[in-house]
């Protein structure tokens, strides 16, 4: 599990009331002019409010790393006083950790089944789907093995990496391959999508399946090969505040505000930038 340290912000009564009424968080305009009048441009950050100081722990799917680093930074900048720590990993493992009592105020999963486990355990209610993602074939820069498509994943002469089926990227990969009648020959099964991506970028494997957002985040170290059939296998990302005996009032309020921010217009703008689809 990868951890990212953040120092968050302060959201208050107005935001929390909007969240409770089912509204989305309205963010402040950031066109560079500071104009936040009635006709202000689209918002890119959360509105500053008056939350009590709080430390919020967010557990998020590994594929959200870059997007949530940005979202946490924006939230903290607008709301000094709240400190956010984001830990990334496989969604299934994170769900298990939450159920077993690991400290968590917010959970963001790369698929709905891990979130449902947390809901069934009575630790989350009303999760919101805030993003979608699809798979893409990925190869090292220059494509030294000459991979051309999904069928190459069945070539035993190639070094192949996939996510383990216990995590959302692995379950999606298995479904995609089954839909296309392809029996993959993986040399390694990884516990999260970033581990798969690392093996590709280091040239340790010839091809792999990762999310399209990971292809975008990796830059020039890799090359993506679009898989049209992946459009039929869409991962839906839910987020929810976590309830627990150790959660204080300030943390609960800040967690609810962060969830509202991620699921709102400002969060949508950042998620778009990182390649995530809308719910």
C-alpha atoms as a PDB file:
ATOM      1  CA  UNK A   1       0.000   0.000   0.000  1.00  0.00           C
ATOM      2  CA  UNK A   2       1.393   3.380  -1.041  1.00  0.00           C
ATOM      3  CA  UNK A   3       0.862   6.340   1.267  1.00  0.00           C
ATOM      4  CA  UNK A   4       0.750  10.013   0.325  1.00  0.00           C
ATOM      5  CA  UNK A   5       0.824  12.699   2.999  1.00  0.00           C
ATOM      6  CA  UNK A   6      -1.524  15.646   2.621  1.00  0.00           C
ATOM      7  CA  UNK A   7      -2.524  18.629   4.740  1.00  0.00           C
ATOM      8  CA  UNK A   8      -6.167  19.363   4.089  1.00  0.00           C
ATOM      9  CA  UNK A   9      -8.576  22.114   4.301  1.00  0.00           C
ATOM     10  CA  UNK A  10     -11.651  23.315   5.994  1.00  0.00           C
ATOM     11  CA  UNK A  11     -15.184  22.855   4.710  1.00  0.00           C
ATOM     12  CA  UNK A  12     -18.066  23.838   6.832  1.00  0.00           C
ATOM     13  CA  UNK A  13     -21.720  24.087   7.467  1.00  0.00           C
ATOM     14  CA  UNK A  14     -22.805  25.285   4.058  1.00  0.00           C
ATOM     15  CA  UNK A  15     -20.973  22.497   2.267  1.00  0.00           C
ATOM     16  CA  UNK A  16     -22.125  19.865   4.692  1.00  0.00           C
ATOM     17  CA  UNK A  17     -25.712  21.039   4.427  1.00  0.00           C
ATOM     18  CA  UNK A  18     -25.540  20.847   0.647  1.00  0.00           C
ATOM     19  CA  UNK A  19     -24.075  17.341   0.966  1.00  0.00           C
ATOM     20  CA  UNK A  20     -26.792  16.252   3.356  1.00  0.00           C
ATOM     21  CA  UNK A  21     -29.474  17.541   0.962  1.00  0.00           C
ATOM     22  CA  UNK A  22     -27.925  15.549  -1.864  1.00  0.00           C
ATOM     23  CA  UNK A  23     -26.451  18.560  -3.633  1.00  0.00           C
ATOM     24  CA  UNK A  24     -23.013  18.694  -5.127  1.00  0.00           C
ATOM     25  CA  UNK A  25     -20.218  20.798  -3.743  1.00  0.00           C
ATOM     26  CA  UNK A  26     -20.027  24.175  -5.466  1.00  0.00           C
ATOM     27  CA  UNK A  27     -16.455  25.167  -5.971  1.00  0.00           C
ATOM     28  CA  UNK A  28     -14.860  28.562  -6.267  1.00  0.00           C
ATOM     29  CA  UNK A  29     -13.909  29.830  -9.710  1.00  0.00           C
ATOM     30  CA  UNK A  30     -10.225  29.769 -10.523  1.00  0.00           C
ATOM     31  CA  UNK A  31      -9.788  31.523 -13.833  1.00  0.00           C
ATOM     32  CA  UNK A  32      -6.822  33.471 -12.504  1.00  0.00           C
ATOM     33  CA  UNK A  33      -8.926  36.642 -12.156  1.00  0.00           C
ATOM     34  CA  UNK A  34     -10.361  35.873  -8.739  1.00  0.00           C
ATOM     35  CA  UNK A  35     -13.834  36.791 -10.048  1.00  0.00           C
ATOM     36  CA  UNK A  36     -16.461  34.665  -8.304  1.00  0.00           C
ATOM     37  CA  UNK A  37     -19.545  36.547  -9.381  1.00  0.00           C
ATOM     38  CA  UNK A  38     -22.732  35.037 -10.742  1.00  0.00           C
ATOM     39  CA  UNK A  39     -21.244  34.382 -14.173  1.00  0.00           C
ATOM     40  CA  UNK A  40     -17.934  32.994 -12.936  1.00  0.00           C
ATOM     41  CA  UNK A  41     -16.229  30.315 -15.083  1.00  0.00           C
ATOM     42  CA  UNK A  42     -16.292  26.633 -14.205  1.00  0.00           C
ATOM     43  CA  UNK A  43     -14.837  25.876 -10.783  1.00  0.00           C
ATOM     44  CA  UNK A  44     -11.661  23.923 -10.206  1.00  0.00           C
ATOM     45  CA  UNK A  45     -11.443  23.891  -6.408  1.00  0.00           C
ATOM     46  CA  UNK A  46     -13.618  23.548  -3.317  1.00  0.00           C
ATOM     47  CA  UNK A  47     -15.163  26.546  -1.597  1.00  0.00           C
ATOM     48  CA  UNK A  48     -13.361  27.646   1.552  1.00  0.00           C
ATOM     49  CA  UNK A  49     -15.527  27.133   4.630  1.00  0.00           C
ATOM     50  CA  UNK A  50     -14.975  26.820   8.372  1.00  0.00           C
ATOM     51  CA  UNK A  51     -14.362  23.222   9.291  1.00  0.00           C
ATOM     52  CA  UNK A  52     -12.697  22.374  12.561  1.00  0.00           C
ATOM     53  CA  UNK A  53      -9.141  21.096  12.326  1.00  0.00           C
ATOM     54  CA  UNK A  54      -9.200  17.409  11.473  1.00  0.00           C
ATOM     55  CA  UNK A  55      -6.998  14.604  10.210  1.00  0.00           C
ATOM     56  CA  UNK A  56      -8.721  12.606   7.470  1.00  0.00           C
ATOM     57  CA  UNK A  57      -7.458   9.221   6.282  1.00  0.00           C
ATOM     58  CA  UNK A  58      -8.449   8.278   2.739  1.00  0.00           C
ATOM     59  CA  UNK A  59      -7.971   4.760   1.372  1.00  0.00           C
ATOM     60  CA  UNK A  60      -8.114   4.823  -2.426  1.00  0.00           C
ATOM     61  CA  UNK A  61      -7.616   2.452  -5.335  1.00  0.00           C
ATOM     62  CA  UNK A  62      -4.108   2.525  -6.788  1.00  0.00           C
ATOM     63  CA  UNK A  63      -5.394   3.744 -10.150  1.00  0.00           C
ATOM     64  CA  UNK A  64      -6.564   6.944  -8.440  1.00  0.00           C
ATOM     65  CA  UNK A  65      -3.073   7.923  -7.280  1.00  0.00           C
ATOM     66  CA  UNK A  66      -2.385  10.901  -9.519  1.00  0.00           C
ATOM     67  CA  UNK A  67      -5.972  12.170  -9.522  1.00  0.00           C
ATOM     68  CA  UNK A  68      -6.404  11.941  -5.759  1.00  0.00           C
ATOM     69  CA  UNK A  69      -3.018  13.523  -5.116  1.00  0.00           C
ATOM     70  CA  UNK A  70      -4.294  16.522  -7.096  1.00  0.00           C
ATOM     71  CA  UNK A  71      -7.733  16.470  -5.473  1.00  0.00           C
ATOM     72  CA  UNK A  72      -6.278  16.326  -1.976  1.00  0.00           C
ATOM     73  CA  UNK A  73      -3.922  19.205  -2.758  1.00  0.00           C
ATOM     74  CA  UNK A  74      -6.798  21.338  -4.062  1.00  0.00           C
ATOM     75  CA  UNK A  75      -8.987  20.507  -1.092  1.00  0.00           C
ATOM     76  CA  UNK A  76      -6.243  21.309   1.400  1.00  0.00           C
ATOM     77  CA  UNK A  77      -5.311  24.568  -0.320  1.00  0.00           C
ATOM     78  CA  UNK A  78      -8.879  25.822  -0.068  1.00  0.00           C
ATOM     79  CA  UNK A  79      -9.405  24.478   3.445  1.00  0.00           C
ATOM     80  CA  UNK A  80      -6.340  24.933   5.664  1.00  0.00           C
ATOM     81  CA  UNK A  81      -6.804  23.149   8.949  1.00  0.00           C
ATOM     82  CA  UNK A  82      -7.715  19.676   7.769  1.00  0.00           C
ATOM     83  CA  UNK A  83      -4.929  17.194   7.082  1.00  0.00           C
ATOM     84  CA  UNK A  84      -5.522  14.388   4.604  1.00  0.00           C
ATOM     85  CA  UNK A  85      -3.427  11.241   4.365  1.00  0.00           C
ATOM     86  CA  UNK A  86      -4.138   9.161   1.260  1.00  0.00           C
ATOM     87  CA  UNK A  87      -3.084   5.507   1.125  1.00  0.00           C
ATOM     88  CA  UNK A  88      -3.308   3.648  -2.185  1.00  0.00           C
ATOM     89  CA  UNK A  89      -3.587  -0.054  -2.919  1.00  0.00           C
ATOM     90  CA  UNK A  90      -5.738  -2.791  -4.401  1.00  0.00           C
ATOM     91  CA  UNK A  91      -9.411  -2.098  -3.712  1.00  0.00           C
ATOM     92  CA  UNK A  92     -10.101  -5.579  -2.341  1.00  0.00           C
ATOM     93  CA  UNK A  93      -7.211  -5.400   0.098  1.00  0.00           C
ATOM     94  CA  UNK A  94      -8.244  -1.915   1.220  1.00  0.00           C
ATOM     95  CA  UNK A  95     -11.821  -3.075   1.825  1.00  0.00           C
ATOM     96  CA  UNK A  96     -10.525  -5.951   3.941  1.00  0.00           C
ATOM     97  CA  UNK A  97      -8.336  -3.583   5.951  1.00  0.00           C
ATOM     98  CA  UNK A  98     -11.304  -1.307   6.658  1.00  0.00           C
ATOM     99  CA  UNK A  99     -13.479  -4.223   7.757  1.00  0.00           C
ATOM    100  CA  UNK A 100     -10.687  -5.475  10.015  1.00  0.00           C
ATOM    101  CA  UNK A 101     -10.455  -2.108  11.729  1.00  0.00           C
ATOM    102  CA  UNK A 102      -7.791  -0.142   9.860  1.00  0.00           C
ATOM    103  CA  UNK A 103      -8.182   3.624  10.398  1.00  0.00           C
ATOM    104  CA  UNK A 104     -10.141   5.131   7.506  1.00  0.00           C
ATOM    105  CA  UNK A 105     -12.462   8.089   7.060  1.00  0.00           C
ATOM    106  CA  UNK A 106     -13.054   7.775   3.296  1.00  0.00           C
ATOM    107  CA  UNK A 107     -12.887   4.815   0.912  1.00  0.00           C
ATOM    108  CA  UNK A 108     -12.676   5.166  -2.881  1.00  0.00           C
ATOM    109  CA  UNK A 109     -12.774   1.866  -4.753  1.00  0.00           C
ATOM    110  CA  UNK A 110     -12.048   0.982  -8.383  1.00  0.00           C
ATOM    111  CA  UNK A 111     -15.181  -1.191  -8.534  1.00  0.00           C
ATOM    112  CA  UNK A 112     -18.451  -1.635  -6.688  1.00  0.00           C
ATOM    113  CA  UNK A 113     -17.977  -5.134  -5.142  1.00  0.00           C
ATOM    114  CA  UNK A 114     -15.193  -4.063  -2.696  1.00  0.00           C
ATOM    115  CA  UNK A 115     -17.292  -1.079  -1.609  1.00  0.00           C
ATOM    116  CA  UNK A 116     -20.304  -3.352  -1.148  1.00  0.00           C
ATOM    117  CA  UNK A 117     -18.268  -5.455   1.281  1.00  0.00           C
ATOM    118  CA  UNK A 118     -17.690  -2.350   3.397  1.00  0.00           C
ATOM    119  CA  UNK A 119     -21.366  -1.388   3.157  1.00  0.00           C
ATOM    120  CA  UNK A 120     -22.433  -4.901   4.180  1.00  0.00           C
ATOM    121  CA  UNK A 121     -20.133  -4.630   7.199  1.00  0.00           C
ATOM    122  CA  UNK A 122     -22.081  -1.559   8.294  1.00  0.00           C
ATOM    123  CA  UNK A 123     -19.116   0.782   7.837  1.00  0.00           C
ATOM    124  CA  UNK A 124     -20.372   2.872   4.903  1.00  0.00           C
ATOM    125  CA  UNK A 125     -23.720   4.052   3.586  1.00  0.00           C
ATOM    126  CA  UNK A 126     -24.890   5.538   0.310  1.00  0.00           C
ATOM    127  CA  UNK A 127     -21.684   5.253  -1.751  1.00  0.00           C
ATOM    128  CA  UNK A 128     -21.620   7.481  -4.826  1.00  0.00           C
ATOM    129  CA  UNK A 129     -20.177   6.412  -8.168  1.00  0.00           C
ATOM    130  CA  UNK A 130     -17.938   9.320  -9.146  1.00  0.00           C
ATOM    131  CA  UNK A 131     -15.878   8.008 -12.096  1.00  0.00           C
ATOM    132  CA  UNK A 132     -15.487   5.243 -14.656  1.00  0.00           C
ATOM    133  CA  UNK A 133     -12.477   3.632 -16.300  1.00  0.00           C
ATOM    134  CA  UNK A 134     -11.670   1.112 -19.011  1.00  0.00           C
ATOM    135  CA  UNK A 135      -8.726  -1.120 -19.837  1.00  0.00           C
ATOM    136  CA  UNK A 136      -5.982  -0.607 -22.394  1.00  0.00           C
ATOM    137  CA  UNK A 137      -3.169  -2.809 -23.636  1.00  0.00           C
ATOM    138  CA  UNK A 138       0.221  -1.413 -22.677  1.00  0.00           C
ATOM    139  CA  UNK A 139       3.762  -2.182 -23.853  1.00  0.00           C
ATOM    140  CA  UNK A 140       7.223  -0.753 -23.085  1.00  0.00           C
ATOM    141  CA  UNK A 141       8.327   2.288 -25.063  1.00  0.00           C
ATOM    142  CA  UNK A 142       9.201   1.249 -28.598  1.00  0.00           C
ATOM    143  CA  UNK A 143       7.119  -1.928 -28.331  1.00  0.00           C
ATOM    144  CA  UNK A 144      10.192  -4.205 -28.657  1.00  0.00           C
ATOM    145  CA  UNK A 145       8.097  -7.402 -28.815  1.00  0.00           C
ATOM    146  CA  UNK A 146       5.913  -6.102 -31.636  1.00  0.00           C
ATOM    147  CA  UNK A 147       2.626  -6.539 -29.785  1.00  0.00           C
ATOM    148  CA  UNK A 148      -0.354  -5.606 -31.962  1.00  0.00           C
ATOM    149  CA  UNK A 149      -3.465  -6.523 -30.036  1.00  0.00           C
ATOM    150  CA  UNK A 150      -5.236  -8.323 -27.229  1.00  0.00           C
ATOM    151  CA  UNK A 151      -4.712 -11.761 -28.809  1.00  0.00           C
ATOM    152  CA  UNK A 152      -0.965 -11.441 -28.163  1.00  0.00           C
ATOM    153  CA  UNK A 153      -1.639 -11.958 -24.457  1.00  0.00           C
ATOM    154  CA  UNK A 154      -2.093 -15.651 -25.241  1.00  0.00           C
ATOM    155  CA  UNK A 155       1.409 -15.923 -26.714  1.00  0.00           C
ATOM    156  CA  UNK A 156       3.466 -18.014 -24.284  1.00  0.00           C
ATOM    157  CA  UNK A 157       6.672 -16.641 -25.835  1.00  0.00           C
ATOM    158  CA  UNK A 158       5.862 -13.157 -24.546  1.00  0.00           C
ATOM    159  CA  UNK A 159       6.267 -11.948 -20.980  1.00  0.00           C
ATOM    160  CA  UNK A 160       2.809 -10.933 -19.807  1.00  0.00           C
ATOM    161  CA  UNK A 161       1.628  -9.157 -16.639  1.00  0.00           C
ATOM    162  CA  UNK A 162      -1.957  -8.932 -15.434  1.00  0.00           C
ATOM    163  CA  UNK A 163      -3.648  -7.823 -12.253  1.00  0.00           C
ATOM    164  CA  UNK A 164      -4.762 -10.640 -10.001  1.00  0.00           C
ATOM    165  CA  UNK A 165      -8.494 -11.355 -10.350  1.00  0.00           C
ATOM    166  CA  UNK A 166      -8.989 -10.467  -6.680  1.00  0.00           C
ATOM    167  CA  UNK A 167      -8.620  -6.772  -7.555  1.00  0.00           C
ATOM    168  CA  UNK A 168     -10.886  -4.774  -9.906  1.00  0.00           C
ATOM    169  CA  UNK A 169      -8.375  -4.409 -12.758  1.00  0.00           C
ATOM    170  CA  UNK A 170      -7.844  -8.182 -12.691  1.00  0.00           C
ATOM    171  CA  UNK A 171     -11.557  -8.959 -12.621  1.00  0.00           C
ATOM    172  CA  UNK A 172     -12.103  -6.570 -15.525  1.00  0.00           C
ATOM    173  CA  UNK A 173      -9.178  -8.091 -17.444  1.00  0.00           C
ATOM    174  CA  UNK A 174     -10.579 -11.602 -16.953  1.00  0.00           C
ATOM    175  CA  UNK A 175     -13.995 -10.476 -18.195  1.00  0.00           C
ATOM    176  CA  UNK A 176     -12.536  -8.726 -21.231  1.00  0.00           C
ATOM    177  CA  UNK A 177     -10.410 -11.725 -22.196  1.00  0.00           C
ATOM    178  CA  UNK A 178     -13.341 -14.109 -21.712  1.00  0.00           C
ATOM    179  CA  UNK A 179     -15.567 -11.900 -23.859  1.00  0.00           C
ATOM    180  CA  UNK A 180     -12.981 -12.071 -26.645  1.00  0.00           C
ATOM    181  CA  UNK A 181     -12.342 -15.806 -26.258  1.00  0.00           C
ATOM    182  CA  UNK A 182      -8.687 -15.262 -25.349  1.00  0.00           C
ATOM    183  CA  UNK A 183      -6.822 -17.429 -22.849  1.00  0.00           C
ATOM    184  CA  UNK A 184      -3.999 -15.311 -21.501  1.00  0.00           C
ATOM    185  CA  UNK A 185      -0.621 -16.737 -20.491  1.00  0.00           C
ATOM    186  CA  UNK A 186       0.477 -14.351 -17.720  1.00  0.00           C
ATOM    187  CA  UNK A 187       3.957 -14.671 -16.252  1.00  0.00           C
ATOM    188  CA  UNK A 188       2.994 -12.594 -13.228  1.00  0.00           C
ATOM    189  CA  UNK A 189      -0.202 -11.574 -11.454  1.00  0.00           C
ATOM    190  CA  UNK A 190       0.071  -8.346  -9.473  1.00  0.00           C
ATOM    191  CA  UNK A 191      -1.863  -7.045  -6.476  1.00  0.00           C
ATOM    192  CA  UNK A 192      -2.692  -3.670  -8.029  1.00  0.00           C
ATOM    193  CA  UNK A 193      -2.575  -1.914 -11.374  1.00  0.00           C
ATOM    194  CA  UNK A 194       0.406   0.301 -10.527  1.00  0.00           C
ATOM    195  CA  UNK A 195       2.530  -2.796  -9.892  1.00  0.00           C
ATOM    196  CA  UNK A 196       1.620  -4.023 -13.374  1.00  0.00           C
ATOM    197  CA  UNK A 197       2.433  -0.653 -14.890  1.00  0.00           C
ATOM    198  CA  UNK A 198       5.820  -0.582 -13.166  1.00  0.00           C
ATOM    199  CA  UNK A 199       6.800  -3.917 -14.706  1.00  0.00           C
ATOM    200  CA  UNK A 200       5.923  -2.595 -18.152  1.00  0.00           C
ATOM    201  CA  UNK A 201       7.749   0.718 -17.732  1.00  0.00           C
ATOM    202  CA  UNK A 202      10.871  -1.124 -16.527  1.00  0.00           C
ATOM    203  CA  UNK A 203      10.740  -3.461 -19.525  1.00  0.00           C
ATOM    204  CA  UNK A 204      10.307  -6.514 -17.317  1.00  0.00           C
ATOM    205  CA  UNK A 205       7.304  -7.662 -19.369  1.00  0.00           C
ATOM    206  CA  UNK A 206       6.333  -7.303 -23.023  1.00  0.00           C
ATOM    207  CA  UNK A 207       2.666  -6.486 -22.573  1.00  0.00           C
ATOM    208  CA  UNK A 208      -0.019  -6.013 -19.937  1.00  0.00           C
ATOM    209  CA  UNK A 209      -3.519  -4.744 -19.319  1.00  0.00           C
ATOM    210  CA  UNK A 210      -3.943  -1.604 -17.234  1.00  0.00           C
ATOM    211  CA  UNK A 211      -6.486   1.203 -17.073  1.00  0.00           C
ATOM    212  CA  UNK A 212      -6.371   3.887 -19.752  1.00  0.00           C
ATOM    213  CA  UNK A 213      -5.777   6.437 -16.985  1.00  0.00           C
ATOM    214  CA  UNK A 214      -2.552   4.625 -16.056  1.00  0.00           C
ATOM    215  CA  UNK A 215      -1.380   4.798 -19.658  1.00  0.00           C
ATOM    216  CA  UNK A 216      -1.923   8.563 -19.558  1.00  0.00           C
ATOM    217  CA  UNK A 217      -0.091   8.943 -16.249  1.00  0.00           C
ATOM    218  CA  UNK A 218       2.965   6.896 -17.282  1.00  0.00           C
ATOM    219  CA  UNK A 219       4.188   9.291 -19.957  1.00  0.00           C
ATOM    220  CA  UNK A 220       6.887   8.250 -22.406  1.00  0.00           C
ATOM    221  CA  UNK A 221       7.955   5.110 -20.524  1.00  0.00           C
ATOM    222  CA  UNK A 222       5.192   3.060 -22.110  1.00  0.00           C
ATOM    223  CA  UNK A 223       2.903   2.923 -25.141  1.00  0.00           C
ATOM    224  CA  UNK A 224      -0.812   2.240 -25.087  1.00  0.00           C
ATOM    225  CA  UNK A 225      -2.691   0.148 -27.618  1.00  0.00           C
ATOM    226  CA  UNK A 226      -6.422   0.761 -27.596  1.00  0.00           C
ATOM    227  CA  UNK A 227      -8.694  -2.248 -27.257  1.00  0.00           C
ATOM    228  CA  UNK A 228     -12.126  -1.453 -28.756  1.00  0.00           C
ATOM    229  CA  UNK A 229     -13.774  -4.333 -26.876  1.00  0.00           C
ATOM    230  CA  UNK A 230     -12.753  -2.723 -23.580  1.00  0.00           C
ATOM    231  CA  UNK A 231     -15.632  -0.269 -24.020  1.00  0.00           C
ATOM    232  CA  UNK A 232     -17.947  -3.122 -22.984  1.00  0.00           C
ATOM    233  CA  UNK A 233     -16.098  -3.694 -19.686  1.00  0.00           C
ATOM    234  CA  UNK A 234     -16.400  -0.521 -17.644  1.00  0.00           C
ATOM    235  CA  UNK A 235     -15.246  -0.143 -14.047  1.00  0.00           C
ATOM    236  CA  UNK A 236     -17.433   2.110 -11.891  1.00  0.00           C
ATOM    237  CA  UNK A 237     -15.658   3.858  -8.997  1.00  0.00           C
ATOM    238  CA  UNK A 238     -17.676   4.468  -5.801  1.00  0.00           C
ATOM    239  CA  UNK A 239     -16.663   6.669  -2.870  1.00  0.00           C
ATOM    240  CA  UNK A 240     -18.099   6.877   0.652  1.00  0.00           C
ATOM    241  CA  UNK A 241     -17.303   8.221   4.084  1.00  0.00           C
ATOM    242  CA  UNK A 242     -16.482   5.490   6.605  1.00  0.00           C
ATOM    243  CA  UNK A 243     -18.161   5.351   9.991  1.00  0.00           C
ATOM    244  CA  UNK A 244     -16.449   3.863  13.005  1.00  0.00           C
ATOM    245  CA  UNK A 245     -16.158   4.138  16.758  1.00  0.00           C
ATOM    246  CA  UNK A 246     -12.852   5.996  16.468  1.00  0.00           C
ATOM    247  CA  UNK A 247     -14.165   8.630  14.044  1.00  0.00           C
ATOM    248  CA  UNK A 248     -14.541  12.029  15.669  1.00  0.00           C
ATOM    249  CA  UNK A 249     -17.101  14.659  14.714  1.00  0.00           C
ATOM    250  CA  UNK A 250     -14.549  16.901  13.002  1.00  0.00           C
ATOM    251  CA  UNK A 251     -13.163  13.987  10.973  1.00  0.00           C
ATOM    252  CA  UNK A 252     -16.653  12.862  10.000  1.00  0.00           C
ATOM    253  CA  UNK A 253     -17.559  16.348   8.773  1.00  0.00           C
ATOM    254  CA  UNK A 254     -14.318  16.761   6.854  1.00  0.00           C
ATOM    255  CA  UNK A 255     -14.669  13.288   5.337  1.00  0.00           C
ATOM    256  CA  UNK A 256     -18.211  14.049   4.166  1.00  0.00           C
ATOM    257  CA  UNK A 257     -17.018  17.322   2.682  1.00  0.00           C
ATOM    258  CA  UNK A 258     -14.155  15.622   0.826  1.00  0.00           C
ATOM    259  CA  UNK A 259     -16.556  13.022  -0.599  1.00  0.00           C
ATOM    260  CA  UNK A 260     -18.847  15.838  -1.767  1.00  0.00           C
ATOM    261  CA  UNK A 261     -15.893  17.612  -3.359  1.00  0.00           C
ATOM    262  CA  UNK A 262     -14.692  14.527  -5.245  1.00  0.00           C
ATOM    263  CA  UNK A 263     -18.214  13.748  -6.480  1.00  0.00           C
ATOM    264  CA  UNK A 264     -18.954  17.367  -7.377  1.00  0.00           C
ATOM    265  CA  UNK A 265     -18.122  19.648 -10.286  1.00  0.00           C
ATOM    266  CA  UNK A 266     -14.597  20.502  -9.143  1.00  0.00           C
ATOM    267  CA  UNK A 267     -13.742  16.844  -8.663  1.00  0.00           C
ATOM    268  CA  UNK A 268     -15.199  16.041 -12.074  1.00  0.00           C
ATOM    269  CA  UNK A 269     -12.919  18.598 -13.744  1.00  0.00           C
ATOM    270  CA  UNK A 270      -9.791  17.068 -12.191  1.00  0.00           C
ATOM    271  CA  UNK A 271     -10.892  13.513 -12.909  1.00  0.00           C
ATOM    272  CA  UNK A 272     -11.498  14.496 -16.545  1.00  0.00           C
ATOM    273  CA  UNK A 273      -7.936  15.814 -16.734  1.00  0.00           C
ATOM    274  CA  UNK A 274      -6.636  12.422 -15.603  1.00  0.00           C
ATOM    275  CA  UNK A 275      -8.707  10.496 -18.145  1.00  0.00           C
ATOM    276  CA  UNK A 276     -11.516   9.159 -15.955  1.00  0.00           C
ATOM    277  CA  UNK A 277     -14.968   8.912 -17.475  1.00  0.00           C
ATOM    278  CA  UNK A 278     -18.099  10.358 -15.913  1.00  0.00           C
ATOM    279  CA  UNK A 279     -20.494   8.040 -14.031  1.00  0.00           C
END
